Each structure stands twice: as structure tokens, then as C-alpha cells.
Amino acid sequence: MFRKVLVANRGEIALRVISACKELGIRTVAVYSEADRNSLHVRFADEAICIGPSRASESYLNVPAVISAAEIADVDAIHPGYGLLSENANFAEVCRASNIKFIGPPPEVTRLMGEKDRARQAMRRAKVPILPGSDGILQSEGEAMEWARTVGYPIILKAAAGGGGRGMRIVRSNDELPALFQAAHTEAANAFGNGDLYLEKFIERPRHIEFQVLADEHGNILSLGERECSIQRRHQKLIEEAPSLQVNTKLREEIGKTLRRSLANIGYQNAGTVEFLMDEDGSLHFIEMNTRIQVEHPVTEFITGVDLVKAQLRIAAGEKLSSIIPDPIVLRGHSIECRINAEHPEKFTPSAGKITAYNLPGGNGVRVDTAQYAEGVVPPYYDSLIAKLITYGKDRPEAMARMSRALEMFVVEGIHTSIPLHRRILQDEDFKAGRFDTKFMERFFEREKERGQAASQ
């Protein structure tokens, strides 16, 4: 096992990794920006090193600064968490060159799966179901138009690099394509430094379902079931749950078998999440893979009993999955996660500032992953996520009842948060009944607008 691990992240995921390390008897090193000097991940790590100014580009994304901190602290390994440098293949290569273990897949695999079109082709060769689309990067608007005619409108243009909904445009006709092609190309180039695009058939009302996998360094791979991630706004997830109401045992086992074969083909190692869209007929289609721990990993931990972060550490230290996790995995109960963001619940504008009061809910089946505290300051420089509220129950109704109660008892004052929005979603009849897809929030806001107009008349 590792002697000392540097956590190359901040906020709740940094604290989560530090907690897992403490349970395994591993010493930890936190890195922090000037804005995070008083953060809890700094307080609870065994050592802490400031790596730069407040902006992430000058600190958490500064590879030389992170590597220098790792060398000064004489660490064995680096855990990147999620976001920031977690899917940066160049960073993983620098770790390898510095003789520091990167807790994640090999850089070659990270690079392959990070280039979405190459990942799509690799999954196609492994017989993973994918959406009809272009065969490689689109070289021009004319080529895009040819593929669109072949695939059939509507289609969606996607950036080959990056994520978060940037560099994506839905196209419904030949007339729309030229302008939308240029818009997607420009946005992708500005966001990721790479304007390459590919296209896929667009599903009007899909569900977004992802499968959690773990792979050791000895060729063994496990699928730990799926998560439902359809409740999202502008391609950003708001609520996740596990298991999905739409995935039965047969489909779960079929996808698990397919993923074990496909990931073995590419030499995958450590934790990863394979994301699919489910069409109206219930068929799954691969869209991308995230080569890291996910924000929503706690719902899988609740229903499987597996500590995914500790598993990451043990896999990276060379242990076999058979010594870490029982196989087969048994899914029990239901779990829901709400992402609590520091933003206005209606305007969706960021809400940085000082937290004047902070009360966390508790009780049976309730978990809160956070690095915030009363009198703490939410800086304006980073992602708006300040906490993850996760509940567990013997079934979905019990998990939902606990979530509704926990949201009511979760108090954050001094800043705006998304808690009021989550409370409203939990009361929505379609959400309660499991009648949703990735367009749910659009319909939800429209219903709220209609009710507001009716009430004012």
C-alpha cells in the first residue's frame, strides 16, 4: 500500500479522498490555492502546500506546481479526484515520468477515451451499441451534410474533446447545418483548444444512464450496476439515483458482460464510468466514458456496499479485485443524490460569499459529502458544487421520503443554493412516478411558469 498520497483537487472530493486514505492508514498531502487557505481539505490532510493564486489555471491546473509539491512532499501517488486534472492524459504522463503513481487509468487509455470520436470507434469495434453517426472527425460542413442525410435528421454535432455541453448543437435540417456547424466548431475551439466535431443521430427524449466499472491491473473487470442521471439542466446533472427504474436484471447483466469485454480490449484500469443514452424503445447507446471517479459515486456505494475511492487506492497499489470486492455484486435498495450548488435556484447565477449558518441533515440513510462549514467562504473561482446530499432506502419511495426530509433540514444561509429547486423537483408528480428523461427540467420549468401565470390572474 502507498505510504503517502497527494490529493490534486479541492472541496468535497478532496476531503472524500483524504477520508479514504486515513481509513487505509495512508498519509495525505493537500494542495491548495490562496483562496482555499482555510478549506477543510487543508485542515484534515497530514500536510498542505500552497501551489498558487486563486484562479484554477494558476494553481490546481498548474501541472508543474502540482508535481513540484508532490516531489517536495515525497509522495508515492497522486489522486486527481474529478474535474481539474483528473482526465488530463499529459498530467498522467508527467506523473509516470516522475515515478509517481497516477491513481487512474494509463495515460494512453485516458487519451483514447477523452477523444470522444476515437472512444466511439473503439466501443464500436468491441460490439458496444452506439448511435448511428459519422465515421470519424468531420472535415467540413459538406461532409457533415452528407452524413446527416445518411443518418437522418435530427442529428447532434458534438465536440471531439471536452464536455459539459459545450461544442454541441442539435440540427434538424440542411438549412440549419452550416451556421450550427460553425457555432459548434468555434465554441469547441474556444473551450477546449480543439474545434474537431463529429455527429450522431439525435434522440429526442432519451434517458441518461451510466454504468460504474472497476478494473484492476491484472486484467480483471467488474461492473457495479448503473445510475440514472436524466435529471439535468443544460447537460449538467442535478439529481442522480441508483439503480435505474428502466434497467432490468437481464439488460444490466448484458451491458456488464459487454463492458468487461470492451474495457479489457483497451487495457482499462481503475475506476471509470461508461455513459449511455436510452432511446424510447429501451435500447442503450454508448456516448462517452469518464476515466475517473464520478461526482455521483455515493449512490453506487450505498446500493453495493463498495467504497469506490478506497477501491481506487487499492487497485492502484496493485491489489486484485478479488481481494477488494466480492463477486458477484449484489444491488440492494435504492439511493438518490442531490447536487447542492451555490447558485440562485431560479436565476441559476453563481452565489459566492460567506456562509453565515450551516446545518447538515442526518439520521438513518442520510449522507452529506461537503467541505463547507459555518463562517466558511465560497470563492467565485471554482465550480459551484458545495455539497452532495445522498439518501438510501429499502426502495425508491423510502429514499425519496428521506431526501425530502433531509432537504428540509439542510440549512445554508448567507448565500443562495439549489436546495429550494431540489425540494420542488422532489414534489413533482412525474418525478415521483419516475416519468422523466433528459428533457424533464424543460417541462418542469414550463409547468412552474404556467402555474405562476395562472396564480397571478
Protein backbone atom coordinates (compact mmCIF):
# COMPACT_ATOMS: atom_id res chain seq x y z
CA MET A 1 0.00 0.00 0.00
CA PHE A 2 1.07 3.60 -0.55
CA ARG A 3 2.91 5.45 2.17
CA LYS A 4 1.79 8.98 1.18
CA VAL A 5 -0.71 10.30 -1.39
CA LEU A 6 -1.10 13.83 -2.73
CA VAL A 7 -4.69 14.87 -3.42
CA ALA A 8 -4.67 17.07 -6.53
CA ASN A 9 -8.09 18.58 -6.00
CA ARG A 10 -10.21 20.73 -3.66
CA GLY A 11 -13.60 20.83 -1.98
CA GLU A 12 -15.68 17.81 -1.07
CA ILE A 13 -13.89 15.32 -3.34
CA ALA A 14 -10.51 16.22 -1.83
CA LEU A 15 -11.94 15.64 1.63
CA ARG A 16 -13.52 12.37 0.44
CA VAL A 17 -10.16 11.07 -0.79
CA ILE A 18 -8.41 12.17 2.41
CA SER A 19 -11.01 10.25 4.45
CA ALA A 20 -10.44 7.08 2.41
CA CYS A 21 -6.67 7.42 2.82
CA LYS A 22 -6.99 7.83 6.59
CA GLU A 23 -9.00 4.60 6.80
CA LEU A 24 -6.28 2.79 4.87
CA GLY A 25 -3.50 4.25 7.03
CA ILE A 26 -2.09 6.41 4.22
CA ARG A 27 -0.67 9.85 4.95
CA THR A 28 -2.06 12.65 2.79
CA VAL A 29 -0.82 15.89 1.26
CA ALA A 30 -3.31 18.60 0.30
CA VAL A 31 -2.54 21.22 -2.30
CA TYR A 32 -4.44 24.48 -2.20
CA SER A 33 -4.77 27.88 -3.82
CA GLU A 34 -4.62 31.13 -1.88
CA ALA A 35 -8.44 31.26 -1.94
CA ASP A 36 -8.64 27.84 -0.24
CA ARG A 37 -6.16 28.52 2.55
CA ASN A 38 -8.85 27.91 5.21
CA SER A 39 -10.53 24.96 3.48
CA LEU A 40 -11.26 21.74 5.34
CA HIS A 41 -9.21 19.59 2.99
CA VAL A 42 -6.20 21.66 4.05
CA ARG A 43 -7.06 21.25 7.72
CA PHE A 44 -7.55 17.47 7.68
CA ALA A 45 -4.64 16.45 5.46
CA ASP A 46 -1.41 15.49 7.18
CA GLU A 47 0.48 18.09 5.14
CA ALA A 48 -0.60 21.02 2.96
CA ILE A 49 1.23 23.00 0.29
CA CYS A 50 0.07 26.21 -1.38
CA ILE A 51 0.52 25.89 -5.15
CA GLY A 52 -0.54 29.30 -6.41
CA PRO A 53 -3.06 32.14 -6.70
CA SER A 54 -6.82 31.77 -6.52
CA ARG A 55 -7.56 31.05 -10.17
CA ALA A 56 -7.53 27.35 -11.02
CA SER A 57 -5.38 27.94 -14.10
CA GLU A 58 -2.63 29.28 -11.83
CA SER A 59 -2.96 26.63 -9.11
CA TYR A 60 -5.00 23.43 -9.40
CA LEU A 61 -4.46 23.20 -13.17
CA ASN A 62 -0.79 24.18 -12.95
CA VAL A 63 0.90 20.84 -13.64
CA PRO A 64 4.47 21.96 -12.74
CA ALA A 65 3.22 23.36 -9.42
CA VAL A 66 1.37 20.14 -8.56
CA ILE A 67 4.30 17.93 -9.49
CA SER A 68 6.72 20.15 -7.56
CA ALA A 69 4.51 19.83 -4.48
CA ALA A 70 4.45 16.04 -4.92
CA GLU A 71 8.23 15.89 -5.17
CA ILE A 72 8.77 18.21 -2.20
CA ALA A 73 6.40 16.10 -0.08
CA ASP A 74 7.98 12.86 -1.39
CA VAL A 75 4.67 11.16 -2.17
CA ASP A 76 4.15 7.74 -3.74
CA ALA A 77 0.98 8.59 -5.65
CA ILE A 78 -1.43 11.32 -6.74
CA HIS A 79 -5.22 11.05 -6.62
CA PRO A 80 -6.78 13.57 -9.03
CA GLY A 81 -10.42 13.33 -7.87
CA TYR A 82 -12.83 14.51 -10.57
CA GLY A 83 -12.62 17.56 -12.82
CA LEU A 84 -9.42 19.65 -12.93
CA LEU A 85 -6.54 17.32 -13.92
CA SER A 86 -8.40 14.01 -13.49
CA GLU A 87 -8.76 13.29 -17.22
CA ASN A 88 -5.61 15.06 -18.37
CA ALA A 89 -3.50 12.42 -20.11
CA ASN A 90 -0.49 14.74 -20.23
CA PHE A 91 -0.61 15.08 -16.45
CA ALA A 92 -0.77 11.30 -16.07
CA GLU A 93 2.29 11.02 -18.32
CA VAL A 94 4.20 13.55 -16.23
CA CYS A 95 3.34 11.55 -13.11
CA ARG A 96 4.69 8.42 -14.76
CA ALA A 97 7.89 10.20 -15.83
CA SER A 98 8.31 11.50 -12.26
CA ASN A 99 7.93 7.97 -10.86
CA ILE A 100 4.70 8.96 -9.10
CA LYS A 101 1.71 6.63 -9.38
CA PHE A 102 -1.32 8.29 -11.01
CA ILE A 103 -4.45 6.84 -9.43
CA GLY A 104 -6.40 6.27 -12.60
CA PRO A 105 -6.02 4.53 -15.95
CA PRO A 106 -2.81 4.65 -18.01
CA PRO A 107 -2.37 7.92 -19.94
CA GLU A 108 -2.80 6.14 -23.28
CA VAL A 109 -6.25 4.92 -22.24
CA THR A 110 -7.21 8.30 -20.79
CA ARG A 111 -6.26 9.95 -24.07
CA LEU A 112 -8.18 7.39 -26.14
CA MET A 113 -11.39 7.73 -24.14
CA GLY A 114 -11.02 11.51 -23.86
CA GLU A 115 -11.19 11.86 -27.64
CA LYS A 116 -14.85 11.07 -27.97
CA ASP A 117 -14.86 10.03 -31.59
CA ARG A 118 -11.92 7.64 -31.07
CA ALA A 119 -13.67 6.26 -27.99
CA ARG A 120 -16.81 5.77 -30.04
CA GLN A 121 -14.90 3.83 -32.70
CA ALA A 122 -13.18 1.70 -30.05
CA MET A 123 -16.54 0.81 -28.50
CA ARG A 124 -18.00 0.02 -31.92
CA ARG A 125 -15.15 -2.43 -32.59
CA ALA A 126 -15.87 -4.08 -29.23
CA LYS A 127 -19.56 -4.54 -30.17
CA VAL A 128 -20.80 -1.95 -27.67
CA PRO A 129 -24.04 -0.45 -29.07
CA ILE A 130 -23.54 3.10 -30.34
CA LEU A 131 -25.75 5.64 -32.08
CA PRO A 132 -25.56 5.92 -35.89
CA GLY A 133 -23.20 8.73 -36.82
CA SER A 134 -20.17 9.93 -38.72
CA ASP A 135 -17.21 7.64 -39.25
CA GLY A 136 -14.54 9.87 -37.74
CA ILE A 137 -13.98 13.61 -37.46
CA LEU A 138 -15.96 15.82 -39.81
CA GLN A 139 -13.61 17.62 -42.20
CA SER A 140 -16.12 20.16 -43.49
CA GLU A 141 -19.71 21.36 -43.49
CA GLY A 142 -20.21 19.46 -46.75
CA GLU A 143 -19.12 16.17 -45.19
CA ALA A 144 -21.37 16.87 -42.20
CA MET A 145 -24.29 17.38 -44.57
CA GLU A 146 -23.58 14.09 -46.34
CA TRP A 147 -23.50 12.19 -43.05
CA ALA A 148 -26.65 13.97 -41.85
CA ARG A 149 -28.52 12.79 -44.95
CA THR A 150 -27.26 9.24 -44.35
CA VAL A 151 -28.09 9.17 -40.64
CA GLY A 152 -31.32 11.18 -40.97
CA TYR A 153 -32.35 14.34 -39.17
CA PRO A 154 -32.36 15.36 -36.40
CA ILE A 155 -28.66 14.96 -35.68
CA ILE A 156 -26.40 16.40 -32.99
CA LEU A 157 -22.96 17.88 -33.61
CA LYS A 158 -20.51 17.16 -30.80
CA ALA A 159 -17.04 18.36 -29.88
CA ALA A 160 -14.49 15.57 -30.09
CA ALA A 161 -12.81 16.93 -26.94
CA GLY A 162 -14.20 18.27 -23.68
CA GLY A 163 -17.69 18.04 -22.27
CA GLY A 164 -20.26 19.91 -20.21
CA GLY A 165 -22.49 20.51 -23.22
CA ARG A 166 -20.05 22.87 -24.93
CA GLY A 167 -19.47 22.45 -28.66
CA MET A 168 -22.82 20.71 -29.09
CA ARG A 169 -25.64 21.73 -31.45
CA ILE A 170 -28.87 19.99 -32.45
CA VAL A 171 -29.53 20.24 -36.18
CA ARG A 172 -32.95 19.50 -37.68
CA SER A 173 -32.49 20.38 -41.36
CA ASN A 174 -29.96 21.07 -44.13
CA ASP A 175 -30.71 24.77 -43.89
CA GLU A 176 -29.67 24.92 -40.24
CA LEU A 177 -26.48 22.92 -40.57
CA PRO A 178 -23.91 25.46 -41.90
CA ALA A 179 -24.49 28.05 -39.19
CA LEU A 180 -24.72 25.50 -36.39
CA PHE A 181 -21.60 23.69 -37.63
CA GLN A 182 -19.60 26.92 -37.40
CA ALA A 183 -21.07 27.77 -33.99
CA ALA A 184 -20.20 24.35 -32.55
CA HIS A 185 -16.70 24.44 -34.08
CA THR A 186 -15.99 27.91 -32.67
CA GLU A 187 -17.32 27.08 -29.21
CA ALA A 188 -15.32 23.83 -29.05
CA ALA A 189 -12.13 25.57 -30.20
CA ASN A 190 -12.54 28.31 -27.60
CA ALA A 191 -13.42 25.92 -24.78
CA PHE A 192 -11.00 23.06 -25.43
CA GLY A 193 -8.43 24.34 -27.91
CA ASN A 194 -9.76 21.74 -30.35
CA GLY A 195 -12.59 22.52 -32.76
CA ASP A 196 -12.98 18.99 -34.16
CA LEU A 197 -16.57 17.78 -34.45
CA TYR A 198 -18.41 14.53 -35.17
CA LEU A 199 -22.13 13.86 -35.43
CA GLU A 200 -24.64 11.34 -34.13
CA LYS A 201 -28.32 10.64 -34.56
CA PHE A 202 -30.22 12.79 -32.06
CA ILE A 203 -32.70 11.09 -29.71
CA GLU A 204 -35.50 13.47 -28.83
CA ARG A 205 -36.34 12.21 -25.33
CA PRO A 206 -33.58 9.92 -24.06
CA ARG A 207 -32.75 8.81 -20.58
CA HIS A 208 -29.12 9.26 -19.47
CA ILE A 209 -27.86 6.07 -17.84
CA GLU A 210 -24.29 5.31 -16.80
CA PHE A 211 -22.52 2.17 -15.63
CA GLN A 212 -19.84 2.14 -12.92
CA VAL A 213 -16.85 -0.10 -13.54
CA LEU A 214 -13.70 -1.07 -11.68
CA ALA A 215 -10.69 -2.71 -13.32
CA ASP A 216 -7.53 -3.93 -11.61
CA GLU A 217 -4.04 -4.09 -13.11
CA HIS A 218 -4.28 -7.85 -13.65
CA GLY A 219 -6.99 -7.82 -16.31
CA ASN A 220 -10.00 -8.27 -14.02
CA ILE A 221 -13.03 -6.02 -14.56
CA LEU A 222 -16.28 -5.62 -12.63
CA SER A 223 -19.47 -3.73 -13.44
CA LEU A 224 -21.20 -2.34 -10.34
CA GLY A 225 -24.53 -1.57 -11.94
CA GLU A 226 -25.99 1.63 -13.28
CA ARG A 227 -27.05 5.12 -12.25
CA GLU A 228 -29.94 7.18 -13.61
CA CYS A 229 -28.73 10.69 -14.49
CA SER A 230 -31.59 12.09 -16.58
CA ILE A 231 -32.47 14.99 -14.28
CA GLN A 232 -30.17 17.66 -15.69
CA ARG A 233 -30.17 21.26 -16.81
CA ARG A 234 -28.11 22.32 -19.82
CA HIS A 235 -26.28 18.97 -19.74
CA GLN A 236 -25.35 19.47 -16.06
CA LYS A 237 -26.67 16.78 -13.73
CA LEU A 238 -28.86 17.86 -10.81
CA ILE A 239 -30.11 14.57 -9.35
CA GLU A 240 -28.79 11.03 -9.75
CA GLU A 241 -30.11 7.75 -8.45
CA ALA A 242 -29.30 4.06 -8.46
CA PRO A 243 -30.44 1.71 -9.73
CA SER A 244 -32.36 2.98 -12.76
CA LEU A 245 -36.04 2.14 -12.90
CA GLN A 246 -35.65 1.39 -16.62
CA VAL A 247 -32.86 -1.21 -16.42
CA ASN A 248 -33.88 -4.77 -15.63
CA THR A 249 -31.62 -7.58 -14.48
CA LYS A 250 -31.22 -9.04 -17.97
CA LEU A 251 -30.15 -5.74 -19.55
CA ARG A 252 -27.86 -4.96 -16.60
CA GLU A 253 -26.08 -8.29 -16.99
CA GLU A 254 -25.82 -7.95 -20.78
CA ILE A 255 -24.25 -4.49 -20.56
CA GLY A 256 -21.94 -5.63 -17.76
CA LYS A 257 -20.68 -8.51 -19.90
CA THR A 258 -20.18 -6.22 -22.90
CA LEU A 259 -18.28 -3.66 -20.83
CA ARG A 260 -15.97 -6.27 -19.34
CA ARG A 261 -15.02 -7.40 -22.83
CA SER A 262 -14.65 -3.93 -24.34
CA LEU A 263 -12.64 -2.46 -21.46
CA ALA A 264 -10.32 -5.47 -21.42
CA ASN A 265 -9.66 -4.80 -25.11
CA ILE A 266 -8.37 -1.29 -24.41
CA GLY A 267 -6.44 -2.18 -21.22
CA TYR A 268 -8.60 -0.16 -18.87
CA GLN A 269 -7.55 0.15 -15.21
CA ASN A 270 -9.02 1.67 -12.04
CA ALA A 271 -12.47 3.32 -11.73
CA GLY A 272 -14.47 4.53 -14.70
CA THR A 273 -17.99 5.33 -15.82
CA VAL A 274 -19.45 4.40 -19.18
CA GLU A 275 -22.33 6.66 -20.23
CA PHE A 276 -25.27 5.68 -22.41
CA LEU A 277 -28.43 7.20 -23.82
CA MET A 278 -31.54 5.04 -23.64
CA ASP A 279 -33.97 5.58 -26.51
CA GLU A 280 -37.76 5.37 -26.40
CA ASP A 281 -37.58 1.62 -27.13
CA GLY A 282 -35.38 0.92 -24.10
CA SER A 283 -32.17 0.32 -26.08
CA LEU A 284 -28.88 1.70 -24.77
CA HIS A 285 -26.34 3.55 -26.95
CA PHE A 286 -22.78 4.43 -25.84
CA ILE A 287 -21.95 8.15 -25.80
CA GLU A 288 -18.73 8.54 -23.78
CA MET A 289 -16.58 7.30 -20.91
CA ASN A 290 -15.33 9.24 -17.90
CA THR A 291 -11.96 7.86 -16.81
CA ARG A 292 -12.20 8.93 -13.16
CA ILE A 293 -14.37 8.82 -10.07
CA GLN A 294 -17.74 10.49 -10.66
CA VAL A 295 -19.47 13.18 -8.61
CA GLU A 296 -22.38 10.78 -8.14
CA HIS A 297 -20.36 7.76 -6.98
CA PRO A 298 -22.00 7.69 -3.49
CA VAL A 299 -25.30 6.30 -4.80
CA THR A 300 -23.44 3.27 -6.15
CA GLU A 301 -21.60 2.92 -2.84
CA PHE A 302 -24.92 2.85 -0.98
CA ILE A 303 -26.53 0.10 -3.07
CA THR A 304 -23.40 -2.08 -3.44
CA GLY A 305 -21.64 -1.53 -0.10
CA VAL A 306 -18.39 -0.88 -2.00
CA ASP A 307 -16.17 2.08 -1.08
CA LEU A 308 -15.14 3.15 -4.57
CA VAL A 309 -12.39 5.57 -3.52
CA LYS A 310 -10.72 3.00 -1.28
CA ALA A 311 -11.03 0.53 -4.16
CA GLN A 312 -9.25 3.04 -6.43
CA LEU A 313 -6.37 3.30 -4.00
CA ARG A 314 -6.05 -0.45 -3.50
CA ILE A 315 -6.21 -1.14 -7.25
CA ALA A 316 -3.51 1.46 -7.92
CA ALA A 317 -1.37 -0.21 -5.24
CA GLY A 318 -1.53 -3.44 -7.24
CA GLU A 319 -4.24 -5.43 -5.45
CA LYS A 320 -6.59 -7.73 -7.33
CA LEU A 321 -10.31 -7.03 -7.40
CA SER A 322 -10.94 -10.45 -5.87
CA SER A 323 -9.25 -9.28 -2.66
CA ILE A 324 -11.17 -5.98 -2.62
CA ILE A 325 -14.75 -6.71 -3.71
CA PRO A 326 -16.97 -9.79 -3.57
CA ASP A 327 -18.16 -11.04 -6.96
CA PRO A 328 -20.94 -11.14 -7.97
CA ILE A 329 -22.01 -7.66 -6.90
CA VAL A 330 -25.45 -7.63 -5.26
CA LEU A 331 -27.54 -4.45 -5.57
CA ARG A 332 -29.70 -3.69 -2.53
CA GLY A 333 -32.21 -0.89 -2.01
CA HIS A 334 -32.28 2.50 -3.71
CA SER A 335 -30.20 5.67 -3.40
CA ILE A 336 -30.66 9.28 -4.57
CA GLU A 337 -28.18 12.16 -4.72
CA CYS A 338 -28.93 15.88 -4.98
CA ARG A 339 -26.08 18.17 -6.03
CA ILE A 340 -26.23 21.24 -3.81
CA ASN A 341 -24.83 24.16 -5.77
CA ALA A 342 -24.01 27.71 -4.66
CA GLU A 343 -26.31 29.38 -7.15
CA HIS A 344 -29.63 31.18 -7.29
CA PRO A 345 -32.34 28.47 -7.51
CA GLU A 346 -34.32 30.35 -10.17
CA LYS A 347 -31.84 32.62 -11.97
CA PHE A 348 -29.05 29.99 -11.85
CA THR A 349 -26.44 32.68 -11.32
CA PRO A 350 -23.40 31.84 -9.14
CA SER A 351 -23.64 32.81 -5.48
CA ALA A 352 -20.22 33.17 -3.91
CA GLY A 353 -19.80 34.59 -0.41
CA LYS A 354 -19.65 33.83 3.28
CA ILE A 355 -21.83 31.10 4.78
CA THR A 356 -23.39 32.55 7.94
CA ALA A 357 -25.28 29.44 9.05
CA TYR A 358 -24.81 25.80 8.06
CA ASN A 359 -26.83 22.85 9.39
CA LEU A 360 -26.34 19.42 7.88
CA PRO A 361 -29.16 16.85 7.99
CA GLY A 362 -28.52 13.45 9.49
CA GLY A 363 -30.34 10.31 10.54
CA ASN A 364 -30.63 6.82 9.15
CA GLY A 365 -29.85 6.54 5.44
CA VAL A 366 -28.59 10.12 5.04
CA ARG A 367 -25.09 11.11 3.94
CA VAL A 368 -23.63 14.54 3.18
CA ASP A 369 -20.34 14.93 1.33
CA THR A 370 -19.14 18.50 1.78
CA ALA A 371 -16.13 20.63 2.64
CA GLN A 372 -18.13 23.70 3.68
CA TYR A 373 -18.85 24.96 7.18
CA ALA A 374 -20.44 27.89 9.01
CA GLU A 375 -18.38 31.08 8.54
CA GLY A 376 -16.64 29.46 5.58
CA VAL A 377 -16.35 31.34 2.30
CA VAL A 378 -17.45 30.05 -1.12
CA PRO A 379 -14.95 31.58 -3.57
CA PRO A 380 -16.04 32.74 -7.03
CA TYR A 381 -13.24 30.97 -8.88
CA TYR A 382 -14.39 27.35 -8.98
CA ASP A 383 -17.30 25.00 -9.69
CA SER A 384 -20.47 25.89 -7.77
CA LEU A 385 -20.89 22.47 -6.12
CA ILE A 386 -20.68 22.87 -2.34
CA ALA A 387 -22.25 19.62 -1.11
CA LYS A 388 -23.77 16.33 -2.16
CA LEU A 389 -26.82 15.11 -0.24
CA ILE A 390 -27.34 11.38 -0.59
CA THR A 391 -30.10 9.22 0.86
CA TYR A 392 -30.69 5.47 0.92
CA GLY A 393 -33.79 3.39 1.47
CA LYS A 394 -35.05 -0.15 1.08
CA ASP A 395 -36.82 1.11 -2.05
CA ARG A 396 -37.24 4.33 -4.07
CA PRO A 397 -40.18 5.71 -2.05
CA GLU A 398 -38.20 5.42 1.20
CA ALA A 399 -35.09 7.01 -0.36
CA MET A 400 -37.28 9.85 -1.68
CA ALA A 401 -39.00 10.38 1.67
CA ARG A 402 -35.60 10.64 3.37
CA MET A 403 -34.37 13.02 0.68
CA SER A 404 -37.39 15.31 1.10
CA ARG A 405 -36.91 15.36 4.85
CA ALA A 406 -33.15 15.92 4.57
CA LEU A 407 -33.56 18.80 2.11
CA GLU A 408 -35.96 20.46 4.55
CA MET A 409 -33.39 20.15 7.35
CA PHE A 410 -30.41 21.27 5.25
CA VAL A 411 -29.83 24.92 6.20
CA VAL A 412 -27.43 27.18 4.31
CA GLU A 413 -27.58 30.92 4.95
CA GLY A 414 -25.52 33.81 3.60
CA ILE A 415 -25.56 32.53 0.01
CA HIS A 416 -28.15 31.17 -2.39
CA THR A 417 -28.24 27.42 -3.06
CA SER A 418 -30.13 24.98 -5.26
CA ILE A 419 -31.89 23.41 -2.24
CA PRO A 420 -35.27 25.09 -2.96
CA LEU A 421 -35.16 23.79 -6.53
CA HIS A 422 -34.42 20.26 -5.37
CA ARG A 423 -37.32 20.40 -2.93
CA ARG A 424 -39.68 21.39 -5.73
CA ILE A 425 -38.42 18.61 -8.00
CA LEU A 426 -38.96 16.01 -5.26
CA GLN A 427 -42.61 17.11 -5.06
CA ASP A 428 -43.21 16.84 -8.81
CA GLU A 429 -45.68 14.09 -9.70
CA ASP A 430 -43.76 12.98 -12.81
CA PHE A 431 -40.53 12.73 -10.83
CA LYS A 432 -42.26 10.76 -8.09
CA ALA A 433 -43.60 8.33 -10.66
CA GLY A 434 -40.27 8.00 -12.46
CA ARG A 435 -41.68 9.55 -15.64
CA PHE A 436 -38.68 11.53 -16.84
CA ASP A 437 -35.97 11.87 -19.45
CA THR A 438 -33.24 14.43 -20.17
CA LYS A 439 -35.90 16.98 -21.17
CA PHE A 440 -37.64 16.73 -17.78
CA MET A 441 -36.34 20.06 -16.48
CA GLU A 442 -37.56 21.95 -19.54
CA ARG A 443 -41.08 20.62 -18.96
CA PHE A 444 -40.76 21.20 -15.20
CA PHE A 445 -39.90 24.89 -15.63
CA GLU A 446 -42.69 25.31 -18.18
CA ARG A 447 -45.22 23.83 -15.73
CA GLU A 448 -43.97 26.15 -12.99
CA LYS A 449 -44.29 29.12 -15.32
CA GLU A 450 -47.85 28.15 -16.25
CA ARG A 451 -48.84 27.73 -12.60
CA GLY A 452 -47.33 31.12 -11.77
CA GLN A 453 -49.25 32.79 -14.58
CA ALA A 454 -52.49 31.12 -13.50
CA ALA A 455 -51.98 32.20 -9.91
CA SER A 456 -51.44 35.83 -10.92
CA GLN A 457 -54.67 36.03 -12.92
